[in-house]
Amino acid sequence: MEEIKKLWVLIDYVQEKAKKAEVGTPEHRALLNEWNDLLNKQYELLESKYKKS
């Protein structure tokens, strides 16, 4: 559960950085990709946690 909480913090941080980046720039796209990767990782962790239950 601790790892899921850490991911939320990272997701929020990356999301805020993406909001401030200029849309369409390589930096913005990279941040969106990172944000998506973090969300996917979090989904996998949650899915595995609840499958064990």
C-alpha atoms as a PDB file:
ATOM      1  CA  MET A   1       0.000   0.000   0.000  1.00  0.00           C
ATOM      2  CA  GLU A   2       2.922   2.313   0.700  1.00  0.00           C
ATOM      3  CA  GLU A   3       4.118   2.012  -2.893  1.00  0.00           C
ATOM      4  CA  ILE A   4       0.668   3.017  -4.140  1.00  0.00           C
ATOM      5  CA  LYS A   5       0.761   6.141  -1.963  1.00  0.00           C
ATOM      6  CA  LYS A   6       4.213   7.040  -3.324  1.00  0.00           C
ATOM      7  CA  LEU A   7       2.908   6.628  -6.855  1.00  0.00           C
ATOM      8  CA  TRP A   8       0.042   9.037  -6.130  1.00  0.00           C
ATOM      9  CA  VAL A   9       2.563  11.670  -5.050  1.00  0.00           C
ATOM     10  CA  LEU A  10       4.606  11.130  -8.223  1.00  0.00           C
ATOM     11  CA  ILE A  11       1.495  11.183 -10.400  1.00  0.00           C
ATOM     12  CA  ASP A  12       0.360  14.479  -8.871  1.00  0.00           C
ATOM     13  CA  TYR A  13       3.834  15.973  -9.289  1.00  0.00           C
ATOM     14  CA  VAL A  14       4.136  14.970 -12.946  1.00  0.00           C
ATOM     15  CA  GLN A  15       0.588  16.108 -13.654  1.00  0.00           C
ATOM     16  CA  GLU A  16       1.301  19.570 -12.215  1.00  0.00           C
ATOM     17  CA  LYS A  17       4.491  19.857 -14.263  1.00  0.00           C
ATOM     18  CA  ALA A  18       2.584  18.836 -17.403  1.00  0.00           C
ATOM     19  CA  LYS A  19      -0.060  21.495 -16.735  1.00  0.00           C
ATOM     20  CA  LYS A  20       2.655  24.159 -16.645  1.00  0.00           C
ATOM     21  CA  ALA A  21       4.509  22.941 -19.743  1.00  0.00           C
ATOM     22  CA  GLU A  22       3.682  24.420 -23.131  1.00  0.00           C
ATOM     23  CA  VAL A  23       1.280  22.126 -24.967  1.00  0.00           C
ATOM     24  CA  GLY A  24       2.757  20.356 -27.979  1.00  0.00           C
ATOM     25  CA  THR A  25       6.382  20.649 -26.921  1.00  0.00           C
ATOM     26  CA  PRO A  26       8.607  17.604 -26.512  1.00  0.00           C
ATOM     27  CA  GLU A  27       8.752  18.326 -22.767  1.00  0.00           C
ATOM     28  CA  HIS A  28       4.946  18.273 -22.522  1.00  0.00           C
ATOM     29  CA  ARG A  29       4.687  15.009 -24.464  1.00  0.00           C
ATOM     30  CA  ALA A  30       7.414  13.419 -22.321  1.00  0.00           C
ATOM     31  CA  LEU A  31       5.586  14.443 -19.140  1.00  0.00           C
ATOM     32  CA  LEU A  32       2.312  13.027 -20.455  1.00  0.00           C
ATOM     33  CA  ASN A  33       4.049   9.762 -21.326  1.00  0.00           C
ATOM     34  CA  GLU A  34       5.603   9.584 -17.862  1.00  0.00           C
ATOM     35  CA  TRP A  35       2.227  10.363 -16.275  1.00  0.00           C
ATOM     36  CA  ASN A  36       0.602   7.591 -18.319  1.00  0.00           C
ATOM     37  CA  ASP A  37       3.328   5.103 -17.356  1.00  0.00           C
ATOM     38  CA  LEU A  38       2.856   5.914 -13.667  1.00  0.00           C
ATOM     39  CA  LEU A  39      -0.916   5.489 -13.935  1.00  0.00           C
ATOM     40  CA  ASN A  40      -0.450   2.125 -15.648  1.00  0.00           C
ATOM     41  CA  LYS A  41       1.972   0.983 -12.952  1.00  0.00           C
ATOM     42  CA  GLN A  42      -0.450   2.046 -10.243  1.00  0.00           C
ATOM     43  CA  TYR A  43      -3.292   0.206 -11.967  1.00  0.00           C
ATOM     44  CA  GLU A  44      -1.193  -2.971 -12.121  1.00  0.00           C
ATOM     45  CA  LEU A  45      -0.330  -2.697  -8.421  1.00  0.00           C
ATOM     46  CA  LEU A  46      -3.963  -2.179  -7.440  1.00  0.00           C
ATOM     47  CA  GLU A  47      -5.114  -4.983  -9.702  1.00  0.00           C
ATOM     48  CA  SER A  48      -2.602  -7.436  -8.238  1.00  0.00           C
ATOM     49  CA  LYS A  49      -3.496  -6.373  -4.688  1.00  0.00           C
ATOM     50  CA  TYR A  50      -7.210  -6.995  -5.185  1.00  0.00           C
ATOM     51  CA  LYS A  51      -6.709 -10.254  -7.089  1.00  0.00           C
ATOM     52  CA  LYS A  52      -4.897 -11.603  -4.029  1.00  0.00           C
ATOM     53  CA  SER A  53      -7.865 -10.718  -1.810  1.00  0.00           C
END
